[in-house]
């Protein structure tokens, strides 16, 4: 299982347009085979910086999504709204709350 974090910095006047694209796409992303979770976060200090955090079964699952026609169409619309190039990280979970042992 991997987590994927994508940081997107939008042109300030294009954030609402991105939110529309996201709203139209989020169900298909969340329902994509291998996607276990996906959320959108917004930076409190900089309102035109948003992040997606997603959890995937594997790198292969993420790659299948990233190579899909759906992703290409959605990313093309999204990328056109950027102020800066997106940054992305794929991470292995090293420790999570479910790994904690209960204490009496």
PDB file of N, CA and C in Angstrom:
ATOM      1  N   UNK A   1       0.839  -1.170   0.000  1.00  0.00           N
ATOM      2  CA  UNK A   1       0.000   0.000   0.000  1.00  0.00           C
ATOM      3  C   UNK A   1       0.891   1.243   0.000  1.00  0.00           C
ATOM      4  N   UNK A   2       0.495   2.226  -0.794  1.00  0.00           N
ATOM      5  CA  UNK A   2       1.261   3.478  -0.846  1.00  0.00           C
ATOM      6  C   UNK A   2       0.328   4.669  -0.671  1.00  0.00           C
ATOM      7  N   UNK A   3       0.913   5.758  -0.199  1.00  0.00           N
ATOM      8  CA  UNK A   3       0.200   7.036  -0.150  1.00  0.00           C
ATOM      9  C   UNK A   3       0.822   7.941  -1.192  1.00  0.00           C
ATOM     10  N   UNK A   4      -0.030   8.712  -1.820  1.00  0.00           N
ATOM     11  CA  UNK A   4       0.404   9.651  -2.846  1.00  0.00           C
ATOM     12  C   UNK A   4      -0.055  11.042  -2.427  1.00  0.00           C
ATOM     13  N   UNK A   5       0.883  11.973  -2.371  1.00  0.00           N
ATOM     14  CA  UNK A   5       0.569  13.359  -2.050  1.00  0.00           C
ATOM     15  C   UNK A   5       0.947  14.203  -3.259  1.00  0.00           C
ATOM     16  N   UNK A   6       0.014  15.003  -3.715  1.00  0.00           N
ATOM     17  CA  UNK A   6       0.263  15.889  -4.848  1.00  0.00           C
ATOM     18  C   UNK A   6      -0.046  17.316  -4.408  1.00  0.00           C
ATOM     19  N   UNK A   7       0.951  18.188  -4.533  1.00  0.00           N
ATOM     20  CA  UNK A   7       0.794  19.607  -4.214  1.00  0.00           C
ATOM     21  C   UNK A   7       0.563  20.363  -5.515  1.00  0.00           C
ATOM     22  N   UNK A   8      -0.521  21.150  -5.543  1.00  0.00           N
ATOM     23  CA  UNK A   8      -0.874  21.909  -6.736  1.00  0.00           C
ATOM     24  C   UNK A   8      -1.041  23.376  -6.360  1.00  0.00           C
ATOM     25  N   UNK A   9      -0.316  24.250  -7.058  1.00  0.00           N
ATOM     26  CA  UNK A   9      -0.425  25.683  -6.842  1.00  0.00           C
ATOM     27  C   UNK A   9      -1.123  26.280  -8.062  1.00  0.00           C
ATOM     28  N   UNK A  10      -2.295  26.846  -7.813  1.00  0.00           N
ATOM     29  CA  UNK A  10      -3.128  27.341  -8.904  1.00  0.00           C
ATOM     30  C   UNK A  10      -3.014  28.853  -9.055  1.00  0.00           C
ATOM     31  N   UNK A  11      -3.285  29.314 -10.272  1.00  0.00           N
ATOM     32  CA  UNK A  11      -3.467  30.738 -10.478  1.00  0.00           C
ATOM     33  C   UNK A  11      -4.630  31.146  -9.572  1.00  0.00           C
ATOM     34  N   UNK A  12      -4.484  32.209  -8.792  1.00  0.00           N
ATOM     35  CA  UNK A  12      -5.529  32.563  -7.822  1.00  0.00           C
ATOM     36  C   UNK A  12      -6.936  32.649  -8.417  1.00  0.00           C
ATOM     37  N   UNK A  13      -7.063  33.116  -9.634  1.00  0.00           N
ATOM     38  CA  UNK A  13      -8.390  33.253 -10.240  1.00  0.00           C
ATOM     39  C   UNK A  13      -8.882  31.951 -10.888  1.00  0.00           C
ATOM     40  N   UNK A  14      -8.108  30.866 -10.755  1.00  0.00           N
ATOM     41  CA  UNK A  14      -8.489  29.592 -11.377  1.00  0.00           C
ATOM     42  C   UNK A  14      -8.868  28.520 -10.352  1.00  0.00           C
ATOM     43  N   UNK A  15      -8.802  28.838  -9.062  1.00  0.00           N
ATOM     44  CA  UNK A  15      -9.099  27.846  -8.030  1.00  0.00           C
ATOM     45  C   UNK A  15     -10.527  27.332  -8.150  1.00  0.00           C
ATOM     46  N   UNK A  16     -11.480  28.221  -8.330  1.00  0.00           N
ATOM     47  CA  UNK A  16     -12.878  27.786  -8.444  1.00  0.00           C
ATOM     48  C   UNK A  16     -13.083  26.871  -9.647  1.00  0.00           C
ATOM     49  N   UNK A  17     -12.393  27.164 -10.728  1.00  0.00           N
ATOM     50  CA  UNK A  17     -12.483  26.293 -11.914  1.00  0.00           C
ATOM     51  C   UNK A  17     -11.931  24.905 -11.597  1.00  0.00           C
ATOM     52  N   UNK A  18     -10.808  24.862 -10.870  1.00  0.00           N
ATOM     53  CA  UNK A  18     -10.264  23.559 -10.464  1.00  0.00           C
ATOM     54  C   UNK A  18     -11.255  22.823  -9.567  1.00  0.00           C
ATOM     55  N   UNK A  19     -11.861  23.522  -8.617  1.00  0.00           N
ATOM     56  CA  UNK A  19     -12.799  22.857  -7.708  1.00  0.00           C
ATOM     57  C   UNK A  19     -13.967  22.244  -8.470  1.00  0.00           C
ATOM     58  N   UNK A  20     -14.376  22.868  -9.555  1.00  0.00           N
ATOM     59  CA  UNK A  20     -15.422  22.291 -10.401  1.00  0.00           C
ATOM     60  C   UNK A  20     -14.924  21.020 -11.081  1.00  0.00           C
ATOM     61  N   UNK A  21     -13.709  21.066 -11.632  1.00  0.00           N
ATOM     62  CA  UNK A  21     -13.122  19.874 -12.259  1.00  0.00           C
ATOM     63  C   UNK A  21     -12.999  18.756 -11.229  1.00  0.00           C
ATOM     64  N   UNK A  22     -12.519  19.096 -10.036  1.00  0.00           N
ATOM     65  CA  UNK A  22     -12.363  18.091  -8.980  1.00  0.00           C
ATOM     66  C   UNK A  22     -13.710  17.487  -8.607  1.00  0.00           C
ATOM     67  N   UNK A  23     -14.714  18.329  -8.425  1.00  0.00           N
ATOM     68  CA  UNK A  23     -16.033  17.839  -8.042  1.00  0.00           C
ATOM     69  C   UNK A  23     -16.595  16.873  -9.084  1.00  0.00           C
ATOM     70  N   UNK A  24     -16.331  17.159 -10.348  1.00  0.00           N
ATOM     71  CA  UNK A  24     -16.808  16.293 -11.431  1.00  0.00           C
ATOM     72  C   UNK A  24     -16.017  14.984 -11.529  1.00  0.00           C
ATOM     73  N   UNK A  25     -14.801  14.963 -10.976  1.00  0.00           N
ATOM     74  CA  UNK A  25     -13.900  13.822 -11.145  1.00  0.00           C
ATOM     75  C   UNK A  25     -13.748  12.950  -9.907  1.00  0.00           C
ATOM     76  N   UNK A  26     -14.034  13.474  -8.737  1.00  0.00           N
ATOM     77  CA  UNK A  26     -13.662  12.796  -7.498  1.00  0.00           C
ATOM     78  C   UNK A  26     -14.271  11.407  -7.338  1.00  0.00           C
ATOM     79  N   UNK A  27     -15.499  11.207  -7.739  1.00  0.00           N
ATOM     80  CA  UNK A  27     -16.112   9.881  -7.587  1.00  0.00           C
ATOM     81  C   UNK A  27     -15.396   8.856  -8.459  1.00  0.00           C
ATOM     82  N   UNK A  28     -15.072   9.229  -9.684  1.00  0.00           N
ATOM     83  CA  UNK A  28     -14.377   8.293 -10.574  1.00  0.00           C
ATOM     84  C   UNK A  28     -12.975   7.973 -10.050  1.00  0.00           C
ATOM     85  N   UNK A  29     -12.309   8.959  -9.472  1.00  0.00           N
ATOM     86  CA  UNK A  29     -10.979   8.693  -8.898  1.00  0.00           C
ATOM     87  C   UNK A  29     -11.121   7.740  -7.725  1.00  0.00           C
ATOM     88  N   UNK A  30     -12.034   8.053  -6.823  1.00  0.00           N
ATOM     89  CA  UNK A  30     -12.217   7.207  -5.632  1.00  0.00           C
ATOM     90  C   UNK A  30     -12.674   5.802  -5.985  1.00  0.00           C
ATOM     91  N   UNK A  31     -13.397   5.654  -7.092  1.00  0.00           N
ATOM     92  CA  UNK A  31     -13.880   4.338  -7.517  1.00  0.00           C
ATOM     93  C   UNK A  31     -12.903   3.603  -8.425  1.00  0.00           C
ATOM     94  N   UNK A  32     -11.795   4.236  -8.768  1.00  0.00           N
ATOM     95  CA  UNK A  32     -10.834   3.595  -9.674  1.00  0.00           C
ATOM     96  C   UNK A  32     -10.251   2.358  -8.987  1.00  0.00           C
ATOM     97  N   UNK A  33     -10.116   1.246  -9.714  1.00  0.00           N
ATOM     98  CA  UNK A  33      -9.556   0.035  -9.102  1.00  0.00           C
ATOM     99  C   UNK A  33      -8.197   0.314  -8.459  1.00  0.00           C
ATOM    100  N   UNK A  34      -8.062  -0.083  -7.204  1.00  0.00           N
ATOM    101  CA  UNK A  34      -6.812   0.093  -6.480  1.00  0.00           C
ATOM    102  C   UNK A  34      -6.756   1.336  -5.619  1.00  0.00           C
ATOM    103  N   UNK A  35      -7.712   2.265  -5.795  1.00  0.00           N
ATOM    104  CA  UNK A  35      -7.750   3.469  -4.955  1.00  0.00           C
ATOM    105  C   UNK A  35      -8.585   3.148  -3.717  1.00  0.00           C
ATOM    106  N   UNK A  36      -7.985   3.297  -2.552  1.00  0.00           N
ATOM    107  CA  UNK A  36      -8.670   3.023  -1.292  1.00  0.00           C
ATOM    108  C   UNK A  36      -9.186   4.285  -0.614  1.00  0.00           C
ATOM    109  N   UNK A  37      -8.619   5.422  -1.008  1.00  0.00           N
ATOM    110  CA  UNK A  37      -8.949   6.671  -0.306  1.00  0.00           C
ATOM    111  C   UNK A  37      -8.385   7.834  -1.101  1.00  0.00           C
ATOM    112  N   UNK A  38      -9.103   8.960  -1.101  1.00  0.00           N
ATOM    113  CA  UNK A  38      -8.577  10.172  -1.729  1.00  0.00           C
ATOM    114  C   UNK A  38      -9.299  11.360  -1.115  1.00  0.00           C
ATOM    115  N   UNK A  39      -8.517  12.373  -0.731  1.00  0.00           N
ATOM    116  CA  UNK A  39      -9.105  13.585  -0.196  1.00  0.00           C
ATOM    117  C   UNK A  39      -8.391  14.795  -0.772  1.00  0.00           C
ATOM    118  N   UNK A  40      -9.069  15.931  -0.701  1.00  0.00           N
ATOM    119  CA  UNK A  40      -8.525  17.205  -1.154  1.00  0.00           C
ATOM    120  C   UNK A  40      -8.337  18.093   0.066  1.00  0.00           C
ATOM    121  N   UNK A  41      -7.145  18.689   0.177  1.00  0.00           N
ATOM    122  CA  UNK A  41      -6.819  19.583   1.287  1.00  0.00           C
ATOM    123  C   UNK A  41      -6.414  20.938   0.732  1.00  0.00           C
ATOM    124  N   UNK A  42      -6.653  21.982   1.536  1.00  0.00           N
ATOM    125  CA  UNK A  42      -6.302  23.336   1.119  1.00  0.00           C
ATOM    126  C   UNK A  42      -5.403  23.969   2.175  1.00  0.00           C
ATOM    127  N   UNK A  43      -4.336  24.591   1.730  1.00  0.00           N
ATOM    128  CA  UNK A  43      -3.396  25.255   2.629  1.00  0.00           C
ATOM    129  C   UNK A  43      -4.098  26.431   3.312  1.00  0.00           C
ATOM    130  N   UNK A  44      -4.016  26.480   4.629  1.00  0.00           N
ATOM    131  CA  UNK A  44      -4.674  27.562   5.375  1.00  0.00           C
ATOM    132  C   UNK A  44      -4.022  28.916   5.123  1.00  0.00           C
ATOM    133  N   UNK A  45      -2.705  28.917   4.907  1.00  0.00           N
ATOM    134  CA  UNK A  45      -1.988  30.182   4.722  1.00  0.00           C
ATOM    135  C   UNK A  45      -2.014  30.673   3.280  1.00  0.00           C
ATOM    136  N   UNK A  46      -2.227  29.776   2.346  1.00  0.00           N
ATOM    137  CA  UNK A  46      -2.175  30.131   0.924  1.00  0.00           C
ATOM    138  C   UNK A  46      -3.321  29.415   0.213  1.00  0.00           C
ATOM    139  N   UNK A  47      -4.434  30.082   0.070  1.00  0.00           N
ATOM    140  CA  UNK A  47      -5.672  29.469  -0.391  1.00  0.00           C
ATOM    141  C   UNK A  47      -5.644  28.954  -1.826  1.00  0.00           C
ATOM    142  N   UNK A  48      -4.618  29.288  -2.594  1.00  0.00           N
ATOM    143  CA  UNK A  48      -4.563  28.743  -3.952  1.00  0.00           C
ATOM    144  C   UNK A  48      -3.582  27.570  -4.055  1.00  0.00           C
ATOM    145  N   UNK A  49      -3.183  27.027  -2.906  1.00  0.00           N
ATOM    146  CA  UNK A  49      -2.374  25.808  -2.851  1.00  0.00           C
ATOM    147  C   UNK A  49      -3.252  24.700  -2.287  1.00  0.00           C
ATOM    148  N   UNK A  50      -3.418  23.645  -3.082  1.00  0.00           N
ATOM    149  CA  UNK A  50      -4.234  22.508  -2.679  1.00  0.00           C
ATOM    150  C   UNK A  50      -3.420  21.226  -2.820  1.00  0.00           C
ATOM    151  N   UNK A  51      -3.818  20.228  -2.069  1.00  0.00           N
ATOM    152  CA  UNK A  51      -3.138  18.936  -2.071  1.00  0.00           C
ATOM    153  C   UNK A  51      -4.179  17.833  -2.235  1.00  0.00           C
ATOM    154  N   UNK A  52      -3.814  16.794  -2.945  1.00  0.00           N
ATOM    155  CA  UNK A  52      -4.584  15.564  -2.872  1.00  0.00           C
ATOM    156  C   UNK A  52      -3.730  14.559  -2.110  1.00  0.00           C
ATOM    157  N   UNK A  53      -4.396  13.785  -1.277  1.00  0.00           N
ATOM    158  CA  UNK A  53      -3.768  12.671  -0.568  1.00  0.00           C
ATOM    159  C   UNK A  53      -4.588  11.448  -0.947  1.00  0.00           C
ATOM    160  N   UNK A  54      -3.914  10.451  -1.476  1.00  0.00           N
ATOM    161  CA  UNK A  54      -4.627   9.240  -1.877  1.00  0.00           C
ATOM    162  C   UNK A  54      -3.863   8.014  -1.394  1.00  0.00           C
ATOM    163  N   UNK A  55      -4.603   6.931  -1.229  1.00  0.00           N
ATOM    164  CA  UNK A  55      -4.032   5.663  -0.797  1.00  0.00           C
ATOM    165  C   UNK A  55      -4.351   4.635  -1.874  1.00  0.00           C
ATOM    166  N   UNK A  56      -3.300   3.955  -2.330  1.00  0.00           N
ATOM    167  CA  UNK A  56      -3.409   2.998  -3.434  1.00  0.00           C
ATOM    168  C   UNK A  56      -2.911   1.628  -2.986  1.00  0.00           C
ATOM    169  N   UNK A  57      -3.467   0.590  -3.590  1.00  0.00           N
ATOM    170  CA  UNK A  57      -3.037  -0.776  -3.278  1.00  0.00           C
ATOM    171  C   UNK A  57      -1.552  -0.970  -3.548  1.00  0.00           C
ATOM    172  N   UNK A  58      -1.087  -0.375  -4.650  1.00  0.00           N
ATOM    173  CA  UNK A  58       0.296  -0.600  -5.067  1.00  0.00           C
ATOM    174  C   UNK A  58       0.709   0.477  -6.072  1.00  0.00           C
ATOM    175  N   UNK A  59       1.997   0.508  -6.373  1.00  0.00           N
ATOM    176  CA  UNK A  59       2.495   1.402  -7.422  1.00  0.00           C
ATOM    177  C   UNK A  59       1.840   1.039  -8.746  1.00  0.00           C
ATOM    178  N   UNK A  60       1.647  -0.257  -8.986  1.00  0.00           N
ATOM    179  CA  UNK A  60       0.991  -0.691 -10.228  1.00  0.00           C
ATOM    180  C   UNK A  60      -0.425  -0.121 -10.342  1.00  0.00           C
ATOM    181  N   UNK A  61      -1.171  -0.130  -9.246  1.00  0.00           N
ATOM    182  CA  UNK A  61      -2.528   0.436  -9.265  1.00  0.00           C
ATOM    183  C   UNK A  61      -2.492   1.921  -9.593  1.00  0.00           C
ATOM    184  N   UNK A  62      -1.572   2.642  -8.950  1.00  0.00           N
ATOM    185  CA  UNK A  62      -1.427   4.071  -9.227  1.00  0.00           C
ATOM    186  C   UNK A  62      -1.029   4.303 -10.676  1.00  0.00           C
ATOM    187  N   UNK A  63      -0.096   3.502 -11.176  1.00  0.00           N
ATOM    188  CA  UNK A  63       0.342   3.652 -12.566  1.00  0.00           C
ATOM    189  C   UNK A  63      -0.791   3.371 -13.551  1.00  0.00           C
ATOM    190  N   UNK A  64      -1.634   2.388 -13.252  1.00  0.00           N
ATOM    191  CA  UNK A  64      -2.775   2.109 -14.130  1.00  0.00           C
ATOM    192  C   UNK A  64      -3.702   3.317 -14.185  1.00  0.00           C
ATOM    193  N   UNK A  65      -3.919   3.948 -13.042  1.00  0.00           N
ATOM    194  CA  UNK A  65      -4.728   5.168 -13.008  1.00  0.00           C
ATOM    195  C   UNK A  65      -4.044   6.279 -13.799  1.00  0.00           C
ATOM    196  N   UNK A  66      -2.764   6.490 -13.561  1.00  0.00           N
ATOM    197  CA  UNK A  66      -2.043   7.586 -14.216  1.00  0.00           C
ATOM    198  C   UNK A  66      -1.922   7.377 -15.729  1.00  0.00           C
ATOM    199  N   UNK A  67      -2.037   6.138 -16.191  1.00  0.00           N
ATOM    200  CA  UNK A  67      -1.970   5.839 -17.623  1.00  0.00           C
ATOM    201  C   UNK A  67      -3.352   5.741 -18.275  1.00  0.00           C
ATOM    202  N   UNK A  68      -4.399   6.047 -17.507  1.00  0.00           N
ATOM    203  CA  UNK A  68      -5.755   5.918 -18.049  1.00  0.00           C
ATOM    204  C   UNK A  68      -6.144   7.160 -18.859  1.00  0.00           C
ATOM    205  N   UNK A  69      -7.083   6.980 -19.756  1.00  0.00           N
ATOM    206  CA  UNK A  69      -7.612   8.104 -20.534  1.00  0.00           C
ATOM    207  C   UNK A  69      -8.299   9.113 -19.613  1.00  0.00           C
ATOM    208  N   UNK A  70      -8.976   8.602 -18.581  1.00  0.00           N
ATOM    209  CA  UNK A  70      -9.641   9.475 -17.625  1.00  0.00           C
ATOM    210  C   UNK A  70      -8.636  10.412 -16.953  1.00  0.00           C
ATOM    211  N   UNK A  71      -7.522   9.866 -16.475  1.00  0.00           N
ATOM    212  CA  UNK A  71      -6.503  10.702 -15.833  1.00  0.00           C
ATOM    213  C   UNK A  71      -5.964  11.726 -16.819  1.00  0.00           C
ATOM    214  N   UNK A  72      -5.652  11.304 -18.018  1.00  0.00           N
ATOM    215  CA  UNK A  72      -5.086  12.219 -19.013  1.00  0.00           C
ATOM    216  C   UNK A  72      -6.021  13.401 -19.266  1.00  0.00           C
ATOM    217  N   UNK A  73      -7.306  13.119 -19.413  1.00  0.00           N
ATOM    218  CA  UNK A  73      -8.273  14.191 -19.666  1.00  0.00           C
ATOM    219  C   UNK A  73      -8.391  15.116 -18.458  1.00  0.00           C
ATOM    220  N   UNK A  74      -8.464  14.547 -17.270  1.00  0.00           N
ATOM    221  CA  UNK A  74      -8.607  15.345 -16.051  1.00  0.00           C
ATOM    222  C   UNK A  74      -7.352  16.149 -15.775  1.00  0.00           C
ATOM    223  N   UNK A  75      -6.195  15.527 -15.931  1.00  0.00           N
ATOM    224  CA  UNK A  75      -4.928  16.210 -15.645  1.00  0.00           C
ATOM    225  C   UNK A  75      -4.671  17.331 -16.651  1.00  0.00           C
ATOM    226  N   UNK A  76      -5.084  17.137 -17.889  1.00  0.00           N
ATOM    227  CA  UNK A  76      -4.929  18.185 -18.899  1.00  0.00           C
ATOM    228  C   UNK A  76      -5.719  19.427 -18.495  1.00  0.00           C
ATOM    229  N   UNK A  77      -6.956  19.242 -18.045  1.00  0.00           N
ATOM    230  CA  UNK A  77      -7.774  20.367 -17.586  1.00  0.00           C
ATOM    231  C   UNK A  77      -7.144  21.027 -16.356  1.00  0.00           C
ATOM    232  N   UNK A  78      -6.657  20.201 -15.430  1.00  0.00           N
ATOM    233  CA  UNK A  78      -6.101  20.706 -14.169  1.00  0.00           C
ATOM    234  C   UNK A  78      -4.791  21.447 -14.402  1.00  0.00           C
ATOM    235  N   UNK A  79      -3.905  20.854 -15.154  1.00  0.00           N
ATOM    236  CA  UNK A  79      -2.574  21.431 -15.397  1.00  0.00           C
ATOM    237  C   UNK A  79      -2.662  22.822 -16.022  1.00  0.00           C
ATOM    238  N   UNK A  80      -3.667  23.052 -16.832  1.00  0.00           N
ATOM    239  CA  UNK A  80      -3.827  24.358 -17.485  1.00  0.00           C
ATOM    240  C   UNK A  80      -4.119  25.480 -16.485  1.00  0.00           C
ATOM    241  N   UNK A  81      -4.488  25.132 -15.266  1.00  0.00           N
ATOM    242  CA  UNK A  81      -4.867  26.105 -14.253  1.00  0.00           C
ATOM    243  C   UNK A  81      -3.733  26.435 -13.276  1.00  0.00           C
ATOM    244  N   UNK A  82      -2.600  25.746 -13.412  1.00  0.00           N
ATOM    245  CA  UNK A  82      -1.486  25.904 -12.469  1.00  0.00           C
ATOM    246  C   UNK A  82      -0.778  27.238 -12.601  1.00  0.00           C
ATOM    247  N   UNK A  83      -0.295  27.721 -11.476  1.00  0.00           N
ATOM    248  CA  UNK A  83       0.633  28.840 -11.422  1.00  0.00           C
ATOM    249  C   UNK A  83       2.064  28.302 -11.429  1.00  0.00           C
ATOM    250  N   UNK A  84       2.259  27.151 -10.776  1.00  0.00           N
ATOM    251  CA  UNK A  84       3.557  26.489 -10.693  1.00  0.00           C
ATOM    252  C   UNK A  84       3.379  25.014 -11.032  1.00  0.00           C
ATOM    253  N   UNK A  85       4.450  24.377 -11.411  1.00  0.00           N
ATOM    254  CA  UNK A  85       4.428  22.943 -11.688  1.00  0.00           C
ATOM    255  C   UNK A  85       4.049  22.181 -10.419  1.00  0.00           C
ATOM    256  N   UNK A  86       3.220  21.158 -10.575  1.00  0.00           N
ATOM    257  CA  UNK A  86       2.808  20.338  -9.430  1.00  0.00           C
ATOM    258  C   UNK A  86       4.006  19.556  -8.892  1.00  0.00           C
ATOM    259  N   UNK A  87       3.943  19.250  -7.607  1.00  0.00           N
ATOM    260  CA  UNK A  87       4.929  18.395  -6.965  1.00  0.00           C
ATOM    261  C   UNK A  87       4.194  17.163  -6.454  1.00  0.00           C
ATOM    262  N   UNK A  88       4.842  15.989  -6.532  1.00  0.00           N
ATOM    263  CA  UNK A  88       4.179  14.764  -6.100  1.00  0.00           C
ATOM    264  C   UNK A  88       5.165  13.837  -5.419  1.00  0.00           C
ATOM    265  N   UNK A  89       4.641  13.125  -4.429  1.00  0.00           N
ATOM    266  CA  UNK A  89       5.425  12.143  -3.700  1.00  0.00           C
ATOM    267  C   UNK A  89       4.609  10.869  -3.573  1.00  0.00           C
ATOM    268  N   UNK A  90       5.270   9.721  -3.801  1.00  0.00           N
ATOM    269  CA  UNK A  90       4.684   8.406  -3.523  1.00  0.00           C
ATOM    270  C   UNK A  90       5.435   7.852  -2.322  1.00  0.00           C
ATOM    271  N   UNK A  91       4.683   7.484  -1.290  1.00  0.00           N
ATOM    272  CA  UNK A  91       5.289   7.148  -0.006  1.00  0.00           C
ATOM    273  C   UNK A  91       4.851   5.776   0.492  1.00  0.00           C
ATOM    274  N   UNK A  92       5.795   5.034   1.050  1.00  0.00           N
ATOM    275  CA  UNK A  92       5.465   3.808   1.775  1.00  0.00           C
ATOM    276  C   UNK A  92       5.145   4.197   3.207  1.00  0.00           C
ATOM    277  N   UNK A  93       4.092   3.629   3.768  1.00  0.00           N
ATOM    278  CA  UNK A  93       3.735   3.900   5.156  1.00  0.00           C
ATOM    279  C   UNK A  93       4.688   3.131   6.057  1.00  0.00           C
ATOM    280  N   UNK A  94       5.370   3.853   6.928  1.00  0.00           N
ATOM    281  CA  UNK A  94       6.318   3.243   7.856  1.00  0.00           C
ATOM    282  C   UNK A  94       5.691   2.962   9.214  1.00  0.00           C
ATOM    283  N   UNK A  95       4.728   3.780   9.595  1.00  0.00           N
ATOM    284  CA  UNK A  95       4.050   3.610  10.867  1.00  0.00           C
ATOM    285  C   UNK A  95       2.715   4.326  10.760  1.00  0.00           C
ATOM    286  N   UNK A  96       1.683   3.736  11.294  1.00  0.00           N
ATOM    287  CA  UNK A  96       0.374   4.381  11.287  1.00  0.00           C
ATOM    288  C   UNK A  96      -0.337   4.058  12.592  1.00  0.00           C
ATOM    289  N   UNK A  97      -1.373   4.809  12.929  1.00  0.00           N
ATOM    290  CA  UNK A  97      -2.089   4.555  14.188  1.00  0.00           C
ATOM    291  C   UNK A  97      -2.577   3.129  14.332  1.00  0.00           C
ATOM    292  N   UNK A  98      -2.933   2.489  13.220  1.00  0.00           N
ATOM    293  CA  UNK A  98      -3.415   1.103  13.339  1.00  0.00           C
ATOM    294  C   UNK A  98      -2.294   0.150  13.745  1.00  0.00           C
ATOM    295  N   UNK A  99      -1.027   0.605  13.622  1.00  0.00           N
ATOM    296  CA  UNK A  99       0.111  -0.205  14.042  1.00  0.00           C
ATOM    297  C   UNK A  99       0.367  -0.100  15.541  1.00  0.00           C
ATOM    298  N   UNK A 100      -0.238   0.884  16.203  1.00  0.00           N
ATOM    299  CA  UNK A 100       0.002   1.098  17.633  1.00  0.00           C
ATOM    300  C   UNK A 100      -0.666   0.010  18.458  1.00  0.00           C
ATOM    301  N   UNK A 101       0.033  -0.406  19.467  1.00  0.00           N
ATOM    302  CA  UNK A 101      -0.546  -1.368  20.391  1.00  0.00           C
ATOM    303  C   UNK A 101      -1.365  -0.609  21.417  1.00  0.00           C
ATOM    304  N   UNK A 102      -2.463  -1.214  21.812  1.00  0.00           N
ATOM    305  CA  UNK A 102      -3.287  -0.582  22.841  1.00  0.00           C
ATOM    306  C   UNK A 102      -2.578  -0.693  24.180  1.00  0.00           C
ATOM    307  N   UNK A 103      -2.667   0.374  24.966  1.00  0.00           N
ATOM    308  CA  UNK A 103      -2.108   0.340  26.306  1.00  0.00           C
ATOM    309  C   UNK A 103      -3.245   0.224  27.296  1.00  0.00           C
ATOM    310  N   UNK A 104      -3.056  -0.555  28.335  1.00  0.00           N
ATOM    311  CA  UNK A 104      -4.158  -0.750  29.295  1.00  0.00           C
ATOM    312  C   UNK A 104      -4.529   0.489  30.048  1.00  0.00           C
TER     313      UNK A 104
END
